[in-house]
Amino acid sequence: MVKDQTQYSLLEAYGGLSAVFISKYFWWAIALAVATTFSIGRFDWAGLGIGILPALIGFSIAAFAVMFALLDKNARDRLAIEKEAGAPPPLLKLFATIGWVLIAQTVSLVYLIFIKVKPFPHRWSEEALSVINGLLTLTGNILLFYSLLLVISVVLYLFDTIALFTSGINEAVKELQEKQSKGG
């Protein structure tokens, strides 16, 4: 059964949680976070993320604007047609990808702000605080690196969508040229 576009949730259109966990961006984020978390010491990683993420969120929002600026109504209509049965149309997939990136970046920013302003109770032992701090730092670094790497995903998906749109234009031009060469 073909789903109506309104029947897709953002996560479904993105590919579900499995798309997150099989994503090379997610695994690179984990690798980078593990490699850096325990080597950066007292570096203000939360402050760095708080400084970077608003600009990345702005870039991701601008990606929506770019798509509307580049694609006219006919192009959006063509990209809104389901290409594979049961799969979301390319336009919905594009917006789900950018939407997922915005959610990940916003969650990361909120997490980093929380870490930056939330002091831990002093009644905990030094060992407990050290373990908790290490886990919170690792989680924060995973979120930060994932948010940074997802920008690559947005750029590549924008490129793929424009390439798909361009190939559709090229096919239409070829058909028109063939008709003209046949005298039609």
N, C-alpha and C. Protein backbone atom coordinates (compact mmCIF):
# COMPACT_ATOMS: atom_id res chain seq x y z
N MET A 1 0.84 -1.18 0.00
CA MET A 1 0.00 0.00 0.00
C MET A 1 0.89 1.25 0.00
N VAL A 2 0.56 2.19 -0.85
CA VAL A 2 1.31 3.44 -0.95
C VAL A 2 0.83 4.38 0.16
N LYS A 3 1.78 4.91 0.90
CA LYS A 3 1.45 5.83 1.97
C LYS A 3 1.21 7.22 1.42
N ASP A 4 0.24 7.89 1.98
CA ASP A 4 0.06 9.31 1.71
C ASP A 4 1.20 10.04 2.42
N GLN A 5 1.67 11.14 1.84
CA GLN A 5 2.81 11.86 2.43
C GLN A 5 2.55 12.28 3.87
N THR A 6 1.31 12.55 4.22
CA THR A 6 1.00 12.97 5.58
C THR A 6 1.10 11.81 6.56
N GLN A 7 1.22 10.58 6.06
CA GLN A 7 1.30 9.42 6.93
C GLN A 7 2.73 9.12 7.40
N TYR A 8 3.69 9.85 6.90
CA TYR A 8 5.08 9.66 7.32
C TYR A 8 5.40 10.57 8.49
N SER A 9 6.03 10.01 9.50
CA SER A 9 6.58 10.88 10.54
C SER A 9 7.96 11.32 10.05
N LEU A 10 8.50 12.33 10.68
CA LEU A 10 9.82 12.81 10.27
C LEU A 10 10.85 11.67 10.39
N LEU A 11 10.79 10.93 11.48
CA LEU A 11 11.76 9.86 11.69
C LEU A 11 11.58 8.75 10.66
N GLU A 12 10.34 8.41 10.32
CA GLU A 12 10.10 7.40 9.28
C GLU A 12 10.65 7.86 7.93
N ALA A 13 10.38 9.10 7.59
CA ALA A 13 10.85 9.62 6.30
C ALA A 13 12.37 9.68 6.26
N TYR A 14 13.00 9.90 7.42
CA TYR A 14 14.46 9.92 7.49
C TYR A 14 15.02 8.52 7.31
N GLY A 15 14.27 7.52 7.69
CA GLY A 15 14.72 6.13 7.57
C GLY A 15 14.63 5.37 8.88
N GLY A 16 14.07 6.00 9.90
CA GLY A 16 13.90 5.36 11.19
C GLY A 16 15.17 5.43 12.03
N LEU A 17 15.06 4.92 13.25
CA LEU A 17 16.23 4.90 14.13
C LEU A 17 17.36 4.06 13.55
N SER A 18 17.00 3.05 12.77
CA SER A 18 18.05 2.23 12.15
C SER A 18 18.93 3.07 11.23
N ALA A 19 18.34 4.08 10.58
CA ALA A 19 19.13 4.96 9.71
C ALA A 19 20.15 5.74 10.53
N VAL A 20 19.80 6.07 11.77
CA VAL A 20 20.75 6.77 12.63
C VAL A 20 21.89 5.83 13.01
N PHE A 21 21.54 4.62 13.44
CA PHE A 21 22.54 3.71 13.96
C PHE A 21 23.42 3.06 12.89
N ILE A 22 22.98 3.06 11.64
CA ILE A 22 23.85 2.54 10.58
C ILE A 22 24.57 3.67 9.84
N SER A 23 24.29 4.90 10.24
CA SER A 23 24.89 6.06 9.59
C SER A 23 26.38 6.14 9.87
N LYS A 24 27.15 6.37 8.82
CA LYS A 24 28.59 6.55 9.00
C LYS A 24 28.89 7.80 9.81
N TYR A 25 28.02 8.80 9.75
CA TYR A 25 28.21 10.01 10.54
C TYR A 25 28.11 9.71 12.03
N PHE A 26 27.17 8.86 12.41
CA PHE A 26 27.00 8.47 13.81
C PHE A 26 28.23 7.72 14.32
N TRP A 27 28.72 6.78 13.54
CA TRP A 27 29.87 5.98 13.97
C TRP A 27 31.16 6.80 13.96
N TRP A 28 31.29 7.72 13.03
CA TRP A 28 32.44 8.63 13.05
C TRP A 28 32.37 9.53 14.28
N ALA A 29 31.17 9.96 14.63
CA ALA A 29 31.00 10.80 15.81
C ALA A 29 31.43 10.04 17.07
N ILE A 30 31.04 8.78 17.17
CA ILE A 30 31.44 7.97 18.32
C ILE A 30 32.96 7.81 18.35
N ALA A 31 33.55 7.50 17.20
CA ALA A 31 35.00 7.31 17.14
C ALA A 31 35.74 8.59 17.53
N LEU A 32 35.31 9.71 17.00
CA LEU A 32 35.95 10.99 17.33
C LEU A 32 35.75 11.34 18.80
N ALA A 33 34.55 11.08 19.31
CA ALA A 33 34.28 11.38 20.72
C ALA A 33 35.13 10.53 21.64
N VAL A 34 35.23 9.24 21.36
CA VAL A 34 36.06 8.36 22.19
C VAL A 34 37.52 8.78 22.11
N ALA A 35 37.97 9.13 20.91
CA ALA A 35 39.37 9.51 20.73
C ALA A 35 39.71 10.82 21.44
N THR A 36 38.74 11.71 21.57
CA THR A 36 39.04 13.03 22.14
C THR A 36 38.57 13.22 23.57
N THR A 37 37.56 12.51 24.00
CA THR A 37 36.95 12.77 25.31
C THR A 37 37.95 12.71 26.44
N PHE A 38 38.75 11.69 26.46
CA PHE A 38 39.64 11.50 27.60
C PHE A 38 41.02 12.11 27.36
N SER A 39 41.21 12.69 26.19
CA SER A 39 42.50 13.32 25.91
C SER A 39 42.45 14.84 26.00
N ILE A 40 41.25 15.40 26.05
CA ILE A 40 41.15 16.86 26.05
C ILE A 40 41.16 17.46 27.45
N GLY A 41 41.11 16.60 28.46
CA GLY A 41 41.20 17.08 29.83
C GLY A 41 40.12 18.08 30.18
N ARG A 42 40.53 19.22 30.69
CA ARG A 42 39.59 20.23 31.18
C ARG A 42 39.20 21.24 30.10
N PHE A 43 39.44 20.93 28.86
CA PHE A 43 39.08 21.82 27.76
C PHE A 43 37.59 22.11 27.80
N ASP A 44 37.20 23.33 27.52
CA ASP A 44 35.80 23.74 27.57
C ASP A 44 35.06 23.30 26.31
N TRP A 45 34.85 21.98 26.18
CA TRP A 45 34.19 21.44 24.99
C TRP A 45 32.74 21.90 24.91
N ALA A 46 32.07 22.05 26.05
CA ALA A 46 30.68 22.50 26.03
C ALA A 46 30.59 23.93 25.52
N GLY A 47 31.51 24.79 25.95
CA GLY A 47 31.54 26.17 25.47
C GLY A 47 31.82 26.24 23.98
N LEU A 48 32.71 25.37 23.51
CA LEU A 48 33.00 25.32 22.08
C LEU A 48 31.75 24.95 21.28
N GLY A 49 31.04 23.92 21.75
CA GLY A 49 29.81 23.51 21.07
C GLY A 49 28.73 24.57 21.09
N ILE A 50 28.62 25.26 22.24
CA ILE A 50 27.63 26.33 22.36
C ILE A 50 27.97 27.47 21.40
N GLY A 51 29.24 27.66 21.14
CA GLY A 51 29.66 28.69 20.19
C GLY A 51 29.43 28.31 18.74
N ILE A 52 29.55 27.03 18.43
CA ILE A 52 29.47 26.55 17.04
C ILE A 52 28.04 26.21 16.60
N LEU A 53 27.29 25.55 17.46
CA LEU A 53 26.00 24.99 17.05
C LEU A 53 24.97 26.02 16.57
N PRO A 54 24.86 27.20 17.15
CA PRO A 54 23.88 28.15 16.59
C PRO A 54 24.14 28.46 15.12
N ALA A 55 25.40 28.58 14.71
CA ALA A 55 25.71 28.84 13.30
C ALA A 55 25.33 27.63 12.44
N LEU A 56 25.57 26.43 12.95
CA LEU A 56 25.20 25.23 12.19
C LEU A 56 23.68 25.09 12.06
N ILE A 57 22.98 25.43 13.12
CA ILE A 57 21.51 25.40 13.06
C ILE A 57 21.03 26.41 12.02
N GLY A 58 21.66 27.58 12.00
CA GLY A 58 21.32 28.59 10.98
C GLY A 58 21.59 28.09 9.58
N PHE A 59 22.72 27.38 9.39
CA PHE A 59 23.03 26.81 8.08
C PHE A 59 21.97 25.79 7.68
N SER A 60 21.56 24.95 8.60
CA SER A 60 20.56 23.92 8.29
C SER A 60 19.22 24.54 7.94
N ILE A 61 18.84 25.59 8.67
CA ILE A 61 17.59 26.29 8.35
C ILE A 61 17.71 26.95 6.97
N ALA A 62 18.87 27.50 6.67
CA ALA A 62 19.09 28.13 5.36
C ALA A 62 18.98 27.09 4.24
N ALA A 63 19.32 25.84 4.53
CA ALA A 63 19.19 24.79 3.51
C ALA A 63 17.74 24.65 3.06
N PHE A 64 16.79 24.78 4.01
CA PHE A 64 15.37 24.78 3.62
C PHE A 64 15.09 25.93 2.65
N ALA A 65 15.58 27.10 2.99
CA ALA A 65 15.35 28.28 2.16
C ALA A 65 15.97 28.11 0.78
N VAL A 66 17.15 27.53 0.72
CA VAL A 66 17.82 27.31 -0.57
C VAL A 66 16.97 26.39 -1.44
N MET A 67 16.43 25.35 -0.85
CA MET A 67 15.61 24.43 -1.65
C MET A 67 14.39 25.14 -2.23
N PHE A 68 13.75 25.97 -1.45
CA PHE A 68 12.59 26.69 -1.98
C PHE A 68 12.99 27.74 -2.99
N ALA A 69 14.18 28.28 -2.84
CA ALA A 69 14.64 29.29 -3.80
C ALA A 69 15.04 28.65 -5.12
N LEU A 70 15.62 27.46 -5.08
CA LEU A 70 16.10 26.80 -6.29
C LEU A 70 15.03 26.03 -7.04
N LEU A 71 14.06 25.54 -6.31
CA LEU A 71 13.05 24.69 -6.94
C LEU A 71 11.73 25.46 -7.09
N ASP A 72 11.27 25.53 -8.33
CA ASP A 72 9.97 26.15 -8.53
C ASP A 72 8.88 25.13 -8.20
N LYS A 73 7.63 25.53 -8.32
CA LYS A 73 6.53 24.65 -7.95
C LYS A 73 6.53 23.36 -8.76
N ASN A 74 6.80 23.45 -10.06
CA ASN A 74 6.82 22.23 -10.89
C ASN A 74 7.91 21.27 -10.43
N ALA A 75 9.08 21.81 -10.11
CA ALA A 75 10.19 20.97 -9.64
C ALA A 75 9.83 20.32 -8.31
N ARG A 76 9.24 21.10 -7.40
CA ARG A 76 8.84 20.52 -6.11
C ARG A 76 7.77 19.46 -6.30
N ASP A 77 6.85 19.71 -7.22
CA ASP A 77 5.81 18.70 -7.50
C ASP A 77 6.42 17.41 -8.04
N ARG A 78 7.41 17.53 -8.95
CA ARG A 78 8.06 16.33 -9.49
C ARG A 78 8.83 15.57 -8.42
N LEU A 79 9.49 16.31 -7.54
CA LEU A 79 10.25 15.66 -6.46
C LEU A 79 9.34 15.12 -5.36
N ALA A 80 8.08 15.53 -5.37
CA ALA A 80 7.13 15.05 -4.36
C ALA A 80 6.48 13.73 -4.78
N ILE A 81 6.78 13.25 -5.98
CA ILE A 81 6.21 12.00 -6.46
C ILE A 81 7.05 10.85 -5.93
N GLU A 82 6.37 9.85 -5.38
CA GLU A 82 7.03 8.67 -4.84
C GLU A 82 7.76 7.93 -5.96
N LYS A 83 9.07 7.70 -5.78
CA LYS A 83 9.87 7.01 -6.80
C LYS A 83 9.84 5.49 -6.62
N GLU A 84 9.81 5.06 -5.37
CA GLU A 84 9.76 3.62 -5.05
C GLU A 84 8.55 3.38 -4.18
N ALA A 85 7.86 2.27 -4.41
CA ALA A 85 6.69 1.94 -3.61
C ALA A 85 7.09 1.81 -2.14
N GLY A 86 6.36 2.48 -1.28
CA GLY A 86 6.62 2.40 0.16
C GLY A 86 7.72 3.31 0.66
N ALA A 87 8.44 3.96 -0.24
CA ALA A 87 9.52 4.87 0.18
C ALA A 87 9.01 6.30 0.10
N PRO A 88 9.47 7.16 0.99
CA PRO A 88 9.02 8.55 0.90
C PRO A 88 9.54 9.20 -0.37
N PRO A 89 8.80 10.14 -0.93
CA PRO A 89 9.26 10.86 -2.12
C PRO A 89 10.56 11.62 -1.81
N PRO A 90 11.36 11.89 -2.84
CA PRO A 90 12.64 12.58 -2.62
C PRO A 90 12.52 13.90 -1.86
N LEU A 91 11.48 14.68 -2.15
CA LEU A 91 11.32 15.97 -1.48
C LEU A 91 11.06 15.77 0.02
N LEU A 92 10.22 14.80 0.35
CA LEU A 92 9.93 14.52 1.75
C LEU A 92 11.19 13.98 2.44
N LYS A 93 11.94 13.14 1.74
CA LYS A 93 13.19 12.61 2.29
C LYS A 93 14.20 13.74 2.54
N LEU A 94 14.28 14.69 1.61
CA LEU A 94 15.18 15.83 1.79
C LEU A 94 14.80 16.62 3.04
N PHE A 95 13.52 16.96 3.17
CA PHE A 95 13.09 17.74 4.32
C PHE A 95 13.21 16.95 5.62
N ALA A 96 13.00 15.64 5.55
CA ALA A 96 13.19 14.81 6.75
C ALA A 96 14.66 14.80 7.15
N THR A 97 15.55 14.74 6.17
CA THR A 97 16.98 14.75 6.46
C THR A 97 17.38 16.07 7.13
N ILE A 98 16.96 17.17 6.54
CA ILE A 98 17.30 18.47 7.12
C ILE A 98 16.60 18.64 8.48
N GLY A 99 15.37 18.17 8.57
CA GLY A 99 14.65 18.23 9.85
C GLY A 99 15.35 17.42 10.93
N TRP A 100 15.82 16.22 10.59
CA TRP A 100 16.53 15.39 11.55
C TRP A 100 17.83 16.08 12.00
N VAL A 101 18.52 16.68 11.05
CA VAL A 101 19.75 17.40 11.38
C VAL A 101 19.44 18.54 12.35
N LEU A 102 18.38 19.29 12.09
CA LEU A 102 18.00 20.39 12.98
C LEU A 102 17.65 19.88 14.38
N ILE A 103 16.95 18.77 14.45
CA ILE A 103 16.61 18.19 15.75
C ILE A 103 17.87 17.77 16.49
N ALA A 104 18.77 17.06 15.80
CA ALA A 104 20.01 16.61 16.43
C ALA A 104 20.85 17.79 16.90
N GLN A 105 20.95 18.82 16.08
CA GLN A 105 21.74 19.99 16.45
C GLN A 105 21.11 20.73 17.63
N THR A 106 19.80 20.84 17.64
CA THR A 106 19.11 21.54 18.73
C THR A 106 19.22 20.76 20.03
N VAL A 107 19.03 19.45 19.96
CA VAL A 107 19.19 18.61 21.16
C VAL A 107 20.62 18.72 21.68
N SER A 108 21.59 18.71 20.79
CA SER A 108 22.99 18.86 21.20
C SER A 108 23.22 20.19 21.89
N LEU A 109 22.68 21.25 21.32
CA LEU A 109 22.86 22.59 21.91
C LEU A 109 22.22 22.65 23.30
N VAL A 110 21.01 22.14 23.45
CA VAL A 110 20.34 22.14 24.75
C VAL A 110 21.15 21.31 25.76
N TYR A 111 21.64 20.15 25.33
CA TYR A 111 22.46 19.30 26.21
C TYR A 111 23.71 20.05 26.67
N LEU A 112 24.38 20.70 25.74
CA LEU A 112 25.61 21.41 26.09
C LEU A 112 25.34 22.59 27.03
N ILE A 113 24.23 23.29 26.81
CA ILE A 113 23.87 24.38 27.72
C ILE A 113 23.59 23.82 29.12
N PHE A 114 22.87 22.71 29.17
CA PHE A 114 22.59 22.05 30.45
C PHE A 114 23.89 21.68 31.16
N ILE A 115 24.82 21.09 30.45
CA ILE A 115 26.10 20.68 31.03
C ILE A 115 26.87 21.91 31.52
N LYS A 116 26.80 22.97 30.76
CA LYS A 116 27.54 24.19 31.09
C LYS A 116 27.02 24.84 32.38
N VAL A 117 25.73 24.81 32.60
CA VAL A 117 25.15 25.55 33.72
C VAL A 117 24.76 24.66 34.91
N LYS A 118 24.77 23.36 34.76
CA LYS A 118 24.29 22.46 35.82
C LYS A 118 25.43 21.98 36.71
N PRO A 119 25.52 22.49 37.92
CA PRO A 119 26.54 21.97 38.84
C PRO A 119 26.07 20.65 39.46
N PHE A 120 27.01 19.81 39.80
CA PHE A 120 26.68 18.53 40.43
C PHE A 120 26.71 18.69 41.94
N PRO A 121 25.90 17.92 42.63
CA PRO A 121 25.91 18.00 44.10
C PRO A 121 27.30 17.66 44.65
N HIS A 122 27.72 18.42 45.63
CA HIS A 122 29.06 18.22 46.20
C HIS A 122 29.09 17.05 47.17
N ARG A 123 27.94 16.50 47.51
CA ARG A 123 27.91 15.39 48.46
C ARG A 123 28.32 14.07 47.83
N TRP A 124 28.44 14.03 46.48
CA TRP A 124 28.87 12.81 45.82
C TRP A 124 30.37 12.63 46.01
N SER A 125 30.78 11.38 45.96
CA SER A 125 32.21 11.10 46.11
C SER A 125 32.97 11.56 44.87
N GLU A 126 34.26 11.77 45.04
CA GLU A 126 35.12 12.21 43.93
C GLU A 126 35.11 11.18 42.80
N GLU A 127 35.08 9.89 43.14
CA GLU A 127 35.07 8.83 42.13
C GLU A 127 33.76 8.85 41.34
N ALA A 128 32.65 9.02 42.04
CA ALA A 128 31.34 9.07 41.36
C ALA A 128 31.28 10.27 40.43
N LEU A 129 31.74 11.41 40.91
CA LEU A 129 31.75 12.61 40.07
C LEU A 129 32.64 12.42 38.84
N SER A 130 33.75 11.76 39.01
CA SER A 130 34.66 11.52 37.89
C SER A 130 34.02 10.64 36.83
N VAL A 131 33.35 9.57 37.26
CA VAL A 131 32.68 8.66 36.31
C VAL A 131 31.53 9.38 35.61
N ILE A 132 30.71 10.07 36.39
CA ILE A 132 29.57 10.80 35.81
C ILE A 132 30.06 11.86 34.84
N ASN A 133 31.08 12.60 35.22
CA ASN A 133 31.63 13.63 34.35
C ASN A 133 32.16 13.01 33.05
N GLY A 134 32.85 11.88 33.16
CA GLY A 134 33.36 11.20 31.96
C GLY A 134 32.24 10.77 31.03
N LEU A 135 31.16 10.20 31.59
CA LEU A 135 30.03 9.76 30.76
C LEU A 135 29.29 10.94 30.13
N LEU A 136 29.10 12.00 30.91
CA LEU A 136 28.44 13.19 30.37
C LEU A 136 29.29 13.86 29.28
N THR A 137 30.60 13.88 29.50
CA THR A 137 31.49 14.44 28.49
C THR A 137 31.48 13.61 27.23
N LEU A 138 31.53 12.29 27.37
CA LEU A 138 31.49 11.40 26.20
C LEU A 138 30.19 11.59 25.43
N THR A 139 29.07 11.61 26.15
CA THR A 139 27.77 11.82 25.50
C THR A 139 27.72 13.17 24.79
N GLY A 140 28.20 14.20 25.47
CA GLY A 140 28.22 15.53 24.86
C GLY A 140 29.09 15.59 23.63
N ASN A 141 30.24 14.93 23.68
CA ASN A 141 31.13 14.92 22.51
C ASN A 141 30.52 14.12 21.35
N ILE A 142 29.84 13.03 21.65
CA ILE A 142 29.16 12.28 20.58
C ILE A 142 28.12 13.18 19.92
N LEU A 143 27.30 13.84 20.74
CA LEU A 143 26.28 14.75 20.18
C LEU A 143 26.91 15.88 19.38
N LEU A 144 27.98 16.46 19.91
CA LEU A 144 28.64 17.57 19.22
C LEU A 144 29.22 17.12 17.89
N PHE A 145 29.97 16.03 17.88
CA PHE A 145 30.56 15.55 16.63
C PHE A 145 29.49 15.11 15.65
N TYR A 146 28.43 14.45 16.14
CA TYR A 146 27.35 14.03 15.26
C TYR A 146 26.70 15.25 14.61
N SER A 147 26.45 16.29 15.40
CA SER A 147 25.86 17.52 14.86
C SER A 147 26.76 18.17 13.81
N LEU A 148 28.05 18.16 14.07
CA LEU A 148 29.00 18.73 13.10
C LEU A 148 29.04 17.91 11.82
N LEU A 149 29.10 16.60 11.96
CA LEU A 149 29.21 15.74 10.78
C LEU A 149 27.92 15.71 9.96
N LEU A 150 26.78 15.94 10.60
CA LEU A 150 25.51 15.95 9.87
C LEU A 150 25.43 17.08 8.85
N VAL A 151 26.22 18.11 9.02
CA VAL A 151 26.26 19.19 8.03
C VAL A 151 26.70 18.61 6.67
N ILE A 152 27.63 17.67 6.70
CA ILE A 152 28.06 17.01 5.46
C ILE A 152 26.88 16.29 4.82
N SER A 153 26.08 15.65 5.67
CA SER A 153 24.89 14.95 5.18
C SER A 153 23.94 15.91 4.47
N VAL A 154 23.72 17.07 5.04
CA VAL A 154 22.82 18.06 4.43
C VAL A 154 23.36 18.50 3.08
N VAL A 155 24.64 18.82 3.03
CA VAL A 155 25.25 19.29 1.78
C VAL A 155 25.13 18.21 0.70
N LEU A 156 25.46 16.98 1.05
CA LEU A 156 25.39 15.89 0.06
C LEU A 156 23.96 15.62 -0.39
N TYR A 157 23.01 15.68 0.53
CA TYR A 157 21.63 15.42 0.15
C TYR A 157 21.07 16.55 -0.71
N LEU A 158 21.46 17.79 -0.41
CA LEU A 158 21.07 18.90 -1.27
C LEU A 158 21.62 18.70 -2.67
N PHE A 159 22.88 18.29 -2.76
CA PHE A 159 23.50 18.04 -4.06
C PHE A 159 22.76 16.92 -4.80
N ASP A 160 22.46 15.82 -4.11
CA ASP A 160 21.75 14.70 -4.74
C ASP A 160 20.37 15.13 -5.24
N THR A 161 19.68 15.95 -4.46
CA THR A 161 18.35 16.40 -4.87
C THR A 161 18.44 17.30 -6.09
N ILE A 162 19.40 18.21 -6.09
CA ILE A 162 19.58 19.08 -7.27
C ILE A 162 19.98 18.25 -8.48
N ALA A 163 20.82 17.23 -8.27
CA ALA A 163 21.21 16.35 -9.38
C ALA A 163 19.99 15.60 -9.92
N LEU A 164 19.14 15.12 -9.04
CA LEU A 164 17.92 14.43 -9.45
C LEU A 164 17.02 15.38 -10.24
N PHE A 165 16.86 16.59 -9.74
CA PHE A 165 16.06 17.60 -10.43
C PHE A 165 16.66 17.93 -11.79
N THR A 166 17.98 18.11 -11.84
CA THR A 166 18.67 18.44 -13.09
C THR A 166 18.53 17.32 -14.10
N SER A 167 18.63 16.06 -13.64
CA SER A 167 18.49 14.95 -14.59
C SER A 167 17.08 14.93 -15.17
N GLY A 168 16.07 15.31 -14.37
CA GLY A 168 14.71 15.39 -14.87
C GLY A 168 14.58 16.47 -15.93
N ILE A 169 15.24 17.60 -15.73
CA ILE A 169 15.22 18.68 -16.72
C ILE A 169 15.93 18.22 -17.99
N ASN A 170 17.08 17.55 -17.83
CA ASN A 170 17.83 17.08 -18.99
C ASN A 170 17.02 16.08 -19.82
N GLU A 171 16.28 15.19 -19.13
CA GLU A 171 15.43 14.24 -19.86
C GLU A 171 14.33 14.97 -20.63
N ALA A 172 13.73 15.97 -20.02
CA ALA A 172 12.68 16.74 -20.69
C ALA A 172 13.24 17.49 -21.89
N VAL A 173 14.44 18.05 -21.75
CA VAL A 173 15.08 18.76 -22.87
C VAL A 173 15.38 17.79 -24.00
N LYS A 174 15.89 16.60 -23.69
CA LYS A 174 16.17 15.59 -24.71
C LYS A 174 14.90 15.21 -25.46
N GLU A 175 13.81 14.98 -24.71
CA GLU A 175 12.55 14.62 -25.35
C GLU A 175 12.08 15.74 -26.28
N LEU A 176 12.20 16.97 -25.82
CA LEU A 176 11.80 18.11 -26.64
C LEU A 176 12.66 18.20 -27.90
N GLN A 177 13.98 18.00 -27.75
CA GLN A 177 14.88 18.05 -28.91
C GLN A 177 14.57 16.93 -29.89
N GLU A 178 14.25 15.73 -29.39
CA GLU A 178 13.91 14.60 -30.27
C GLU A 178 12.64 14.91 -31.06
N LYS A 179 11.65 15.48 -30.36
CA LYS A 179 10.39 15.83 -31.02
C LYS A 179 10.65 16.88 -32.10
N GLN A 180 11.49 17.85 -31.80
CA GLN A 180 11.79 18.92 -32.76
C GLN A 180 12.58 18.37 -33.95
N SER A 181 13.49 17.43 -33.70
CA SER A 181 14.29 16.88 -34.81
C SER A 181 13.43 15.99 -35.72
N LYS A 182 12.35 15.42 -35.17
CA LYS A 182 11.44 14.58 -35.97
C LYS A 182 10.37 15.43 -36.66
N GLY A 183 10.45 16.72 -36.43
CA GLY A 183 9.47 17.61 -37.08
C GLY A 183 8.20 17.74 -36.27
N GLY A 184 8.20 17.29 -35.02
CA GLY A 184 7.00 17.32 -34.19
C GLY A 184 6.97 18.47 -33.35
